[in-house]
Amino acid sequence: MFFLRYFFRRTLQNIRGNLLLNLGTISVIAISMLIFSAFSLIAFNLTSLLKAWEDKIEIIAYLSRRPAPGDLDVLLKNVGLLHGVERVKYISSSEAMSFMETKLGSQRNLLEGVQPDVLPPSLEIQLAKEYRNSVRIKEVVSQLRQFSQIEEIQYGKEWVETFSGLLHVVRVTQWILGGLLIAAMTFIIANTVQLTISSRREEIGVMHLVGASPAFIQVPFYIEGLVQGLLGAQLAIVLLFLLYKLFFIYIPLPVKESLEKVPIAFMPPETIVWFLSGGMVLGFFGSLVASIKILKYSG
């Protein structure tokens, strides 16, 4: 307990003695982590959005002609046995026309004089959960092409692949930017601790002469780095939350109405805990780098 009290008291003295330098370091850490966390939040919501839309992905297989009742039963059975298919529903031309009328609502008069036969019958295919993505869905489509009765297959291929590609770019950018920011934050923290150590070089020399161990001298600087990293990460989370709230206050009303169907969530608690822990680890690592570089002891 004595050593713990000493270490924390010495850490507070180090921070007070170089207050402006420490505040500057915490601010730079906060800005760096804010940039990384903003990309993380975007990637998190894009991932959630993609998963929500993937749950609604289904395949529409248009038939070349209206099948006979017996042929239809065989077709439905065979399609239902395919890997990845959860449910198959036959949509007749009349049902397709009724669906279009419902969607058009007050503008259904546009379909006056149009015969249901102009719309091809189709199969509405619901996929198993593990197949509702841009990769596995192609396996089901490949199997469906073997049926001669199926003339055309639609499943929003371009949209699914484009959105998946966008998500991949955001994730790659997030981690590249994160790597650069981690290197920058480590450098900043290391230099701050180096300046703190340099300002107390004489005191450290005396402590070494009277028999103080390297660990006894270094631990307060490690704690200082942990505090800097934690405070910087906390400030970044607070700023990100304020930006998150301001986004919904100042966006135009039409955009806000369209976003009501697409919920944009803040980071979950477990992600925030990992984020704060990461800030502390970076702070500790920066202090460790500084102490190895400056504090040299003999024997």
C-alpha atoms as a PDB file:
ATOM      1  CA  MET A   1       0.000   0.000   0.000  1.00  0.00           C
ATOM      2  CA  PHE A   2       2.893   2.365   0.754  1.00  0.00           C
ATOM      3  CA  PHE A   3       4.394   1.811  -2.677  1.00  0.00           C
ATOM      4  CA  LEU A   4       1.020   2.261  -4.383  1.00  0.00           C
ATOM      5  CA  ARG A   5       0.427   5.545  -2.564  1.00  0.00           C
ATOM      6  CA  TYR A   6       3.912   6.699  -3.468  1.00  0.00           C
ATOM      7  CA  PHE A   7       3.506   5.768  -7.139  1.00  0.00           C
ATOM      8  CA  PHE A   8       0.169   7.572  -7.511  1.00  0.00           C
ATOM      9  CA  ARG A   9       1.394  10.618  -5.566  1.00  0.00           C
ATOM     10  CA  ARG A  10       4.513  10.806  -7.731  1.00  0.00           C
ATOM     11  CA  THR A  11       2.382  10.435 -10.888  1.00  0.00           C
ATOM     12  CA  LEU A  12       0.176  13.377  -9.834  1.00  0.00           C
ATOM     13  CA  GLN A  13       3.287  15.451  -9.096  1.00  0.00           C
ATOM     14  CA  ASN A  14       4.669  14.633 -12.558  1.00  0.00           C
ATOM     15  CA  ILE A  15       1.392  15.666 -14.206  1.00  0.00           C
ATOM     16  CA  ARG A  16       1.086  18.900 -12.183  1.00  0.00           C
ATOM     17  CA  GLY A  17       4.709  19.789 -12.833  1.00  0.00           C
ATOM     18  CA  ASN A  18       4.182  19.528 -16.594  1.00  0.00           C
ATOM     19  CA  LEU A  19       0.481  20.378 -16.737  1.00  0.00           C
ATOM     20  CA  LEU A  20       0.414  22.205 -20.071  1.00  0.00           C
ATOM     21  CA  LEU A  21       2.540  19.530 -21.718  1.00  0.00           C
ATOM     22  CA  ASN A  22       0.272  16.784 -20.395  1.00  0.00           C
ATOM     23  CA  LEU A  23      -2.893  18.637 -21.436  1.00  0.00           C
ATOM     24  CA  GLY A  24      -1.473  19.072 -24.924  1.00  0.00           C
ATOM     25  CA  THR A  25      -0.627  15.377 -25.119  1.00  0.00           C
ATOM     26  CA  ILE A  26      -4.094  14.338 -23.897  1.00  0.00           C
ATOM     27  CA  SER A  27      -5.693  16.669 -26.463  1.00  0.00           C
ATOM     28  CA  VAL A  28      -3.668  15.235 -29.350  1.00  0.00           C
ATOM     29  CA  ILE A  29      -4.461  11.690 -28.191  1.00  0.00           C
ATOM     30  CA  ALA A  30      -8.159  12.592 -27.990  1.00  0.00           C
ATOM     31  CA  ILE A  31      -8.202  14.059 -31.510  1.00  0.00           C
ATOM     32  CA  SER A  32      -6.343  11.055 -32.936  1.00  0.00           C
ATOM     33  CA  MET A  33      -8.623   8.564 -31.223  1.00  0.00           C
ATOM     34  CA  LEU A  34     -11.676  10.620 -32.216  1.00  0.00           C
ATOM     35  CA  ILE A  35     -10.757  10.191 -35.890  1.00  0.00           C
ATOM     36  CA  PHE A  36     -10.259   6.439 -35.440  1.00  0.00           C
ATOM     37  CA  SER A  37     -13.445   6.037 -33.387  1.00  0.00           C
ATOM     38  CA  ALA A  38     -15.451   7.991 -35.980  1.00  0.00           C
ATOM     39  CA  PHE A  39     -14.393   5.538 -38.691  1.00  0.00           C
ATOM     40  CA  SER A  40     -15.134   2.679 -36.282  1.00  0.00           C
ATOM     41  CA  LEU A  41     -18.641   4.048 -35.684  1.00  0.00           C
ATOM     42  CA  ILE A  42     -19.266   4.370 -39.432  1.00  0.00           C
ATOM     43  CA  ALA A  43     -18.024   0.817 -40.029  1.00  0.00           C
ATOM     44  CA  PHE A  44     -20.152  -0.470 -37.120  1.00  0.00           C
ATOM     45  CA  ASN A  45     -23.339   1.075 -38.510  1.00  0.00           C
ATOM     46  CA  LEU A  46     -22.609   0.009 -42.087  1.00  0.00           C
ATOM     47  CA  THR A  47     -22.073  -3.543 -40.836  1.00  0.00           C
ATOM     48  CA  SER A  48     -25.355  -3.442 -38.888  1.00  0.00           C
ATOM     49  CA  LEU A  49     -27.162  -2.005 -41.902  1.00  0.00           C
ATOM     50  CA  LEU A  50     -25.747  -4.669 -44.204  1.00  0.00           C
ATOM     51  CA  LYS A  51     -26.793  -7.425 -41.795  1.00  0.00           C
ATOM     52  CA  ALA A  52     -30.315  -5.991 -41.540  1.00  0.00           C
ATOM     53  CA  TRP A  53     -30.630  -5.828 -45.326  1.00  0.00           C
ATOM     54  CA  GLU A  54     -29.054  -9.238 -45.783  1.00  0.00           C
ATOM     55  CA  ASP A  55     -31.852 -10.688 -43.643  1.00  0.00           C
ATOM     56  CA  LYS A  56     -34.297  -9.411 -46.271  1.00  0.00           C
ATOM     57  CA  ILE A  57     -32.355 -10.701 -49.265  1.00  0.00           C
ATOM     58  CA  GLU A  58     -34.319 -13.143 -51.367  1.00  0.00           C
ATOM     59  CA  ILE A  59     -34.143 -14.508 -54.887  1.00  0.00           C
ATOM     60  CA  ILE A  60     -36.829 -13.968 -57.500  1.00  0.00           C
ATOM     61  CA  ALA A  61     -36.700 -16.600 -60.253  1.00  0.00           C
ATOM     62  CA  TYR A  62     -38.876 -15.707 -63.255  1.00  0.00           C
ATOM     63  CA  LEU A  63     -40.319 -18.641 -65.201  1.00  0.00           C
ATOM     64  CA  SER A  64     -40.399 -18.812 -68.981  1.00  0.00           C
ATOM     65  CA  ARG A  65     -44.060 -19.889 -68.977  1.00  0.00           C
ATOM     66  CA  ARG A  66     -46.863 -20.853 -66.655  1.00  0.00           C
ATOM     67  CA  PRO A  67     -46.174 -24.432 -65.532  1.00  0.00           C
ATOM     68  CA  ALA A  68     -48.793 -27.150 -65.419  1.00  0.00           C
ATOM     69  CA  PRO A  69     -50.027 -28.007 -61.875  1.00  0.00           C
ATOM     70  CA  GLY A  70     -48.082 -31.288 -61.807  1.00  0.00           C
ATOM     71  CA  ASP A  71     -44.897 -29.690 -63.148  1.00  0.00           C
ATOM     72  CA  LEU A  72     -45.221 -26.849 -60.658  1.00  0.00           C
ATOM     73  CA  ASP A  73     -45.324 -29.242 -57.688  1.00  0.00           C
ATOM     74  CA  VAL A  74     -42.195 -31.015 -58.931  1.00  0.00           C
ATOM     75  CA  LEU A  75     -40.402 -27.695 -59.526  1.00  0.00           C
ATOM     76  CA  LEU A  76     -41.274 -26.362 -56.075  1.00  0.00           C
ATOM     77  CA  LYS A  77     -40.114 -29.597 -54.453  1.00  0.00           C
ATOM     78  CA  ASN A  78     -36.794 -29.685 -56.331  1.00  0.00           C
ATOM     79  CA  VAL A  79     -36.019 -26.016 -55.677  1.00  0.00           C
ATOM     80  CA  GLY A  80     -36.893 -26.460 -52.011  1.00  0.00           C
ATOM     81  CA  LEU A  81     -34.314 -29.257 -51.736  1.00  0.00           C
ATOM     82  CA  LEU A  82     -31.444 -27.045 -52.912  1.00  0.00           C
ATOM     83  CA  HIS A  83     -28.706 -26.151 -50.421  1.00  0.00           C
ATOM     84  CA  GLY A  84     -29.373 -22.741 -48.894  1.00  0.00           C
ATOM     85  CA  VAL A  85     -33.090 -22.608 -49.752  1.00  0.00           C
ATOM     86  CA  GLU A  86     -35.358 -22.166 -46.745  1.00  0.00           C
ATOM     87  CA  ARG A  87     -38.727 -21.587 -48.401  1.00  0.00           C
ATOM     88  CA  VAL A  88     -40.169 -21.390 -51.922  1.00  0.00           C
ATOM     89  CA  LYS A  89     -43.379 -19.644 -52.924  1.00  0.00           C
ATOM     90  CA  TYR A  90     -44.998 -19.587 -56.346  1.00  0.00           C
ATOM     91  CA  ILE A  91     -46.230 -16.169 -57.522  1.00  0.00           C
ATOM     92  CA  SER A  92     -48.701 -16.323 -60.414  1.00  0.00           C
ATOM     93  CA  SER A  93     -49.169 -13.541 -62.966  1.00  0.00           C
ATOM     94  CA  SER A  94     -52.431 -12.508 -61.281  1.00  0.00           C
ATOM     95  CA  GLU A  95     -50.765 -12.318 -57.865  1.00  0.00           C
ATOM     96  CA  ALA A  96     -47.925 -10.267 -59.351  1.00  0.00           C
ATOM     97  CA  MET A  97     -50.447  -7.823 -60.844  1.00  0.00           C
ATOM     98  CA  SER A  98     -52.258  -7.516 -57.499  1.00  0.00           C
ATOM     99  CA  PHE A  99     -48.957  -6.814 -55.796  1.00  0.00           C
ATOM    100  CA  MET A 100     -48.162  -4.038 -58.283  1.00  0.00           C
ATOM    101  CA  GLU A 101     -51.580  -2.469 -57.778  1.00  0.00           C
ATOM    102  CA  THR A 102     -51.058  -2.468 -54.014  1.00  0.00           C
ATOM    103  CA  LYS A 103     -47.648  -0.820 -54.390  1.00  0.00           C
ATOM    104  CA  LEU A 104     -48.964   1.854 -56.755  1.00  0.00           C
ATOM    105  CA  GLY A 105     -51.813   2.721 -54.406  1.00  0.00           C
ATOM    106  CA  SER A 106     -53.671   5.802 -55.696  1.00  0.00           C
ATOM    107  CA  GLN A 107     -51.813   5.524 -59.003  1.00  0.00           C
ATOM    108  CA  ARG A 108     -53.079   2.044 -59.782  1.00  0.00           C
ATOM    109  CA  ASN A 109     -55.069   3.483 -62.677  1.00  0.00           C
ATOM    110  CA  LEU A 110     -51.785   3.381 -64.616  1.00  0.00           C
ATOM    111  CA  LEU A 111     -52.354  -0.367 -64.952  1.00  0.00           C
ATOM    112  CA  GLU A 112     -55.791  -0.053 -66.539  1.00  0.00           C
ATOM    113  CA  GLY A 113     -55.992  -2.184 -69.664  1.00  0.00           C
ATOM    114  CA  VAL A 114     -52.833  -4.134 -68.750  1.00  0.00           C
ATOM    115  CA  GLN A 115     -53.452  -7.871 -68.690  1.00  0.00           C
ATOM    116  CA  PRO A 116     -51.877  -9.962 -65.891  1.00  0.00           C
ATOM    117  CA  ASP A 117     -50.341 -12.268 -68.511  1.00  0.00           C
ATOM    118  CA  VAL A 118     -47.751  -9.610 -69.385  1.00  0.00           C
ATOM    119  CA  LEU A 119     -46.140 -10.347 -66.024  1.00  0.00           C
ATOM    120  CA  PRO A 120     -44.233 -13.633 -65.882  1.00  0.00           C
ATOM    121  CA  PRO A 121     -44.933 -16.120 -63.089  1.00  0.00           C
ATOM    122  CA  SER A 122     -42.096 -16.424 -60.626  1.00  0.00           C
ATOM    123  CA  LEU A 123     -40.682 -18.225 -57.616  1.00  0.00           C
ATOM    124  CA  GLU A 124     -40.026 -16.220 -54.470  1.00  0.00           C
ATOM    125  CA  ILE A 125     -37.125 -17.995 -52.755  1.00  0.00           C
ATOM    126  CA  GLN A 126     -36.300 -17.301 -49.111  1.00  0.00           C
ATOM    127  CA  LEU A 127     -32.699 -18.161 -48.216  1.00  0.00           C
ATOM    128  CA  ALA A 128     -31.273 -19.770 -45.105  1.00  0.00           C
ATOM    129  CA  LYS A 129     -29.607 -17.222 -42.834  1.00  0.00           C
ATOM    130  CA  GLU A 130     -26.041 -18.296 -43.624  1.00  0.00           C
ATOM    131  CA  TYR A 131     -26.703 -17.841 -47.353  1.00  0.00           C
ATOM    132  CA  ARG A 132     -27.952 -14.250 -47.129  1.00  0.00           C
ATOM    133  CA  ASN A 133     -24.712 -12.607 -48.231  1.00  0.00           C
ATOM    134  CA  SER A 134     -23.042 -11.626 -51.482  1.00  0.00           C
ATOM    135  CA  VAL A 135     -20.815 -14.735 -51.520  1.00  0.00           C
ATOM    136  CA  ARG A 136     -23.073 -17.661 -50.568  1.00  0.00           C
ATOM    137  CA  ILE A 137     -26.070 -16.400 -52.545  1.00  0.00           C
ATOM    138  CA  LYS A 138     -24.147 -17.059 -55.761  1.00  0.00           C
ATOM    139  CA  GLU A 139     -24.042 -20.761 -54.876  1.00  0.00           C
ATOM    140  CA  VAL A 140     -27.855 -20.878 -54.805  1.00  0.00           C
ATOM    141  CA  VAL A 141     -28.119 -18.885 -58.043  1.00  0.00           C
ATOM    142  CA  SER A 142     -25.729 -21.312 -59.736  1.00  0.00           C
ATOM    143  CA  GLN A 143     -27.965 -24.248 -58.717  1.00  0.00           C
ATOM    144  CA  LEU A 144     -31.116 -22.472 -59.923  1.00  0.00           C
ATOM    145  CA  ARG A 145     -29.665 -21.916 -63.395  1.00  0.00           C
ATOM    146  CA  GLN A 146     -29.799 -25.688 -63.926  1.00  0.00           C
ATOM    147  CA  PHE A 147     -33.615 -25.572 -64.142  1.00  0.00           C
ATOM    148  CA  SER A 148     -34.798 -25.100 -67.710  1.00  0.00           C
ATOM    149  CA  GLN A 149     -38.112 -23.572 -66.553  1.00  0.00           C
ATOM    150  CA  ILE A 150     -36.280 -20.612 -64.993  1.00  0.00           C
ATOM    151  CA  GLU A 151     -35.637 -17.838 -67.516  1.00  0.00           C
ATOM    152  CA  GLU A 152     -34.226 -15.028 -65.347  1.00  0.00           C
ATOM    153  CA  ILE A 153     -32.930 -14.668 -61.790  1.00  0.00           C
ATOM    154  CA  GLN A 154     -32.826 -11.441 -59.785  1.00  0.00           C
ATOM    155  CA  TYR A 155     -31.505 -10.802 -56.295  1.00  0.00           C
ATOM    156  CA  GLY A 156     -30.054  -7.283 -56.351  1.00  0.00           C
ATOM    157  CA  LYS A 157     -26.581  -8.542 -57.258  1.00  0.00           C
ATOM    158  CA  GLU A 158     -25.137  -5.131 -58.125  1.00  0.00           C
ATOM    159  CA  TRP A 159     -26.505  -3.498 -54.988  1.00  0.00           C
ATOM    160  CA  VAL A 160     -25.336  -6.246 -52.630  1.00  0.00           C
ATOM    161  CA  GLU A 161     -21.832  -6.388 -54.134  1.00  0.00           C
ATOM    162  CA  THR A 162     -21.486  -2.577 -54.236  1.00  0.00           C
ATOM    163  CA  PHE A 163     -22.517  -2.199 -50.609  1.00  0.00           C
ATOM    164  CA  SER A 164     -20.222  -5.045 -49.518  1.00  0.00           C
ATOM    165  CA  GLY A 165     -17.353  -3.406 -51.408  1.00  0.00           C
ATOM    166  CA  LEU A 166     -18.054  -0.059 -49.734  1.00  0.00           C
ATOM    167  CA  LEU A 167     -18.041  -1.708 -46.322  1.00  0.00           C
ATOM    168  CA  HIS A 168     -14.718  -3.400 -47.126  1.00  0.00           C
ATOM    169  CA  VAL A 169     -13.155  -0.053 -48.148  1.00  0.00           C
ATOM    170  CA  VAL A 170     -14.340   1.601 -44.917  1.00  0.00           C
ATOM    171  CA  ARG A 171     -12.914  -1.239 -42.809  1.00  0.00           C
ATOM    172  CA  VAL A 172      -9.550  -1.192 -44.602  1.00  0.00           C
ATOM    173  CA  THR A 173      -9.368   2.610 -44.281  1.00  0.00           C
ATOM    174  CA  GLN A 174     -10.262   2.326 -40.609  1.00  0.00           C
ATOM    175  CA  TRP A 175      -7.400  -0.053 -39.817  1.00  0.00           C
ATOM    176  CA  ILE A 176      -4.808   1.703 -42.005  1.00  0.00           C
ATOM    177  CA  LEU A 177      -5.705   5.025 -40.409  1.00  0.00           C
ATOM    178  CA  GLY A 178      -5.784   3.329 -37.002  1.00  0.00           C
ATOM    179  CA  GLY A 179      -2.251   1.991 -37.500  1.00  0.00           C
ATOM    180  CA  LEU A 180      -0.940   5.434 -38.440  1.00  0.00           C
ATOM    181  CA  LEU A 181      -2.690   7.071 -35.492  1.00  0.00           C
ATOM    182  CA  ILE A 182      -1.391   4.432 -33.078  1.00  0.00           C
ATOM    183  CA  ALA A 183       2.182   5.114 -34.239  1.00  0.00           C
ATOM    184  CA  ALA A 184       1.610   8.867 -33.897  1.00  0.00           C
ATOM    185  CA  MET A 185       0.082   8.566 -30.422  1.00  0.00           C
ATOM    186  CA  THR A 186       2.911   6.321 -29.219  1.00  0.00           C
ATOM    187  CA  PHE A 187       5.441   8.878 -30.488  1.00  0.00           C
ATOM    188  CA  ILE A 188       3.604  11.773 -28.804  1.00  0.00           C
ATOM    189  CA  ILE A 189       3.261   9.998 -25.458  1.00  0.00           C
ATOM    190  CA  ALA A 190       6.880   8.827 -25.573  1.00  0.00           C
ATOM    191  CA  ASN A 191       8.148  12.357 -26.198  1.00  0.00           C
ATOM    192  CA  THR A 192       5.981  13.799 -23.437  1.00  0.00           C
ATOM    193  CA  VAL A 193       7.308  11.292 -20.923  1.00  0.00           C
ATOM    194  CA  GLN A 194      10.859  11.884 -22.192  1.00  0.00           C
ATOM    195  CA  LEU A 195      10.501  15.611 -21.468  1.00  0.00           C
ATOM    196  CA  THR A 196       9.119  14.809 -18.011  1.00  0.00           C
ATOM    197  CA  ILE A 197      12.017  12.465 -17.294  1.00  0.00           C
ATOM    198  CA  SER A 198      14.564  14.996 -18.591  1.00  0.00           C
ATOM    199  CA  SER A 199      13.178  17.699 -16.287  1.00  0.00           C
ATOM    200  CA  ARG A 200      13.779  15.380 -13.311  1.00  0.00           C
ATOM    201  CA  ARG A 201      17.112  13.933 -14.410  1.00  0.00           C
ATOM    202  CA  GLU A 202      18.977  15.198 -11.340  1.00  0.00           C
ATOM    203  CA  GLU A 203      16.349  13.848  -8.947  1.00  0.00           C
ATOM    204  CA  ILE A 204      16.394  10.491 -10.726  1.00  0.00           C
ATOM    205  CA  GLY A 205      20.166  10.407 -10.503  1.00  0.00           C
ATOM    206  CA  VAL A 206      20.048  10.961  -6.737  1.00  0.00           C
ATOM    207  CA  MET A 207      17.417   8.241  -6.315  1.00  0.00           C
ATOM    208  CA  HIS A 208      19.614   5.863  -8.259  1.00  0.00           C
ATOM    209  CA  LEU A 209      22.647   6.688  -6.066  1.00  0.00           C
ATOM    210  CA  VAL A 210      20.739   5.977  -2.853  1.00  0.00           C
ATOM    211  CA  GLY A 211      19.757   2.527  -4.148  1.00  0.00           C
ATOM    212  CA  ALA A 212      16.333   3.003  -5.729  1.00  0.00           C
ATOM    213  CA  SER A 213      15.568   0.228  -8.204  1.00  0.00           C
ATOM    214  CA  PRO A 214      14.802   1.025 -11.876  1.00  0.00           C
ATOM    215  CA  ALA A 215      11.228  -0.216 -11.407  1.00  0.00           C
ATOM    216  CA  PHE A 216      10.715   2.105  -8.413  1.00  0.00           C
ATOM    217  CA  ILE A 217      11.702   5.069 -10.583  1.00  0.00           C
ATOM    218  CA  GLN A 218       9.932   3.978 -13.781  1.00  0.00           C
ATOM    219  CA  VAL A 219       6.510   2.926 -12.459  1.00  0.00           C
ATOM    220  CA  PRO A 220       5.219   6.524 -11.906  1.00  0.00           C
ATOM    221  CA  PHE A 221       6.010   7.294 -15.550  1.00  0.00           C
ATOM    222  CA  TYR A 222       4.154   4.161 -16.659  1.00  0.00           C
ATOM    223  CA  ILE A 223       1.133   5.242 -14.622  1.00  0.00           C
ATOM    224  CA  GLU A 224       1.412   8.721 -16.159  1.00  0.00           C
ATOM    225  CA  GLY A 225       1.208   7.176 -19.624  1.00  0.00           C
ATOM    226  CA  LEU A 226      -1.811   5.068 -18.580  1.00  0.00           C
ATOM    227  CA  VAL A 227      -3.585   8.181 -17.266  1.00  0.00           C
ATOM    228  CA  GLN A 228      -2.821  10.142 -20.446  1.00  0.00           C
ATOM    229  CA  GLY A 229      -4.131   7.334 -22.642  1.00  0.00           C
ATOM    230  CA  LEU A 230      -7.278   6.836 -20.532  1.00  0.00           C
ATOM    231  CA  LEU A 231      -8.139  10.548 -20.365  1.00  0.00           C
ATOM    232  CA  GLY A 232      -7.482  10.977 -24.087  1.00  0.00           C
ATOM    233  CA  ALA A 233      -9.720   8.012 -24.928  1.00  0.00           C
ATOM    234  CA  GLN A 234     -12.467   9.254 -22.579  1.00  0.00           C
ATOM    235  CA  LEU A 235     -12.362  12.718 -24.142  1.00  0.00           C
ATOM    236  CA  ALA A 236     -12.546  11.163 -27.619  1.00  0.00           C
ATOM    237  CA  ILE A 237     -15.642   9.130 -26.657  1.00  0.00           C
ATOM    238  CA  VAL A 238     -17.349  12.222 -25.189  1.00  0.00           C
ATOM    239  CA  LEU A 239     -16.596  14.282 -28.322  1.00  0.00           C
ATOM    240  CA  LEU A 240     -17.804  11.477 -30.572  1.00  0.00           C
ATOM    241  CA  PHE A 241     -21.053  11.197 -28.604  1.00  0.00           C
ATOM    242  CA  LEU A 242     -21.616  14.969 -28.884  1.00  0.00           C
ATOM    243  CA  LEU A 243     -20.997  14.826 -32.651  1.00  0.00           C
ATOM    244  CA  TYR A 244     -23.367  11.856 -32.846  1.00  0.00           C
ATOM    245  CA  LYS A 245     -26.115  13.870 -31.116  1.00  0.00           C
ATOM    246  CA  LEU A 246     -25.432  17.038 -33.154  1.00  0.00           C
ATOM    247  CA  PHE A 247     -25.714  15.009 -36.347  1.00  0.00           C
ATOM    248  CA  PHE A 248     -29.386  14.278 -35.611  1.00  0.00           C
ATOM    249  CA  ILE A 249     -30.086  17.865 -34.538  1.00  0.00           C
ATOM    250  CA  TYR A 250     -28.734  19.656 -37.621  1.00  0.00           C
ATOM    251  CA  ILE A 251     -29.446  17.246 -40.475  1.00  0.00           C
ATOM    252  CA  PRO A 252     -32.213  18.388 -42.877  1.00  0.00           C
ATOM    253  CA  LEU A 253     -35.734  17.151 -42.125  1.00  0.00           C
ATOM    254  CA  PRO A 254     -36.082  15.041 -45.330  1.00  0.00           C
ATOM    255  CA  VAL A 255     -32.856  13.214 -44.505  1.00  0.00           C
ATOM    256  CA  LYS A 256     -33.987  12.733 -40.896  1.00  0.00           C
ATOM    257  CA  GLU A 257     -37.283  11.206 -42.060  1.00  0.00           C
ATOM    258  CA  SER A 258     -35.516   8.782 -44.369  1.00  0.00           C
ATOM    259  CA  LEU A 259     -33.153   7.757 -41.569  1.00  0.00           C
ATOM    260  CA  GLU A 260     -36.050   6.773 -39.305  1.00  0.00           C
ATOM    261  CA  LYS A 261     -36.165   3.440 -41.118  1.00  0.00           C
ATOM    262  CA  VAL A 262     -32.370   3.065 -40.866  1.00  0.00           C
ATOM    263  CA  PRO A 263     -31.402   3.285 -37.181  1.00  0.00           C
ATOM    264  CA  ILE A 264     -27.946   4.744 -36.555  1.00  0.00           C
ATOM    265  CA  ALA A 265     -26.606   3.440 -33.240  1.00  0.00           C
ATOM    266  CA  PHE A 266     -23.770   4.620 -31.046  1.00  0.00           C
ATOM    267  CA  MET A 267     -20.960   2.306 -29.993  1.00  0.00           C
ATOM    268  CA  PRO A 268     -22.133  -0.522 -27.714  1.00  0.00           C
ATOM    269  CA  PRO A 269     -20.768  -0.509 -24.131  1.00  0.00           C
ATOM    270  CA  GLU A 270     -18.376  -3.405 -24.746  1.00  0.00           C
ATOM    271  CA  THR A 271     -16.784  -1.531 -27.671  1.00  0.00           C
ATOM    272  CA  ILE A 272     -16.348   1.576 -25.501  1.00  0.00           C
ATOM    273  CA  VAL A 273     -14.629  -0.538 -22.820  1.00  0.00           C
ATOM    274  CA  TRP A 274     -12.238  -1.963 -25.422  1.00  0.00           C
ATOM    275  CA  PHE A 275     -11.623   1.528 -26.756  1.00  0.00           C
ATOM    276  CA  LEU A 276     -10.732   2.899 -23.304  1.00  0.00           C
ATOM    277  CA  SER A 277      -8.539  -0.125 -22.602  1.00  0.00           C
ATOM    278  CA  GLY A 278      -6.767   0.446 -25.911  1.00  0.00           C
ATOM    279  CA  GLY A 279      -6.038   4.053 -24.924  1.00  0.00           C
ATOM    280  CA  MET A 280      -4.475   2.891 -21.654  1.00  0.00           C
ATOM    281  CA  VAL A 281      -2.380   0.266 -23.434  1.00  0.00           C
ATOM    282  CA  LEU A 282      -1.098   2.886 -25.886  1.00  0.00           C
ATOM    283  CA  GLY A 283      -0.264   5.219 -23.016  1.00  0.00           C
ATOM    284  CA  PHE A 284       1.635   2.495 -21.189  1.00  0.00           C
ATOM    285  CA  PHE A 285       3.512   1.484 -24.343  1.00  0.00           C
ATOM    286  CA  GLY A 286       4.519   5.102 -25.030  1.00  0.00           C
ATOM    287  CA  SER A 287       5.849   5.463 -21.493  1.00  0.00           C
ATOM    288  CA  LEU A 288       7.701   2.159 -21.800  1.00  0.00           C
ATOM    289  CA  VAL A 289       9.380   3.309 -25.019  1.00  0.00           C
ATOM    290  CA  ALA A 290      10.415   6.593 -23.382  1.00  0.00           C
ATOM    291  CA  SER A 291      11.813   4.934 -20.242  1.00  0.00           C
ATOM    292  CA  ILE A 292      13.818   2.396 -22.240  1.00  0.00           C
ATOM    293  CA  LYS A 293      15.274   5.174 -24.371  1.00  0.00           C
ATOM    294  CA  ILE A 294      16.206   7.606 -21.543  1.00  0.00           C
ATOM    295  CA  LEU A 295      16.453   5.741 -18.238  1.00  0.00           C
ATOM    296  CA  LYS A 296      19.696   3.763 -18.353  1.00  0.00           C
ATOM    297  CA  TYR A 297      21.106   2.111 -15.291  1.00  0.00           C
ATOM    298  CA  SER A 298      24.249   0.205 -14.593  1.00  0.00           C
ATOM    299  CA  GLY A 299      24.234  -3.143 -12.701  1.00  0.00           C
END
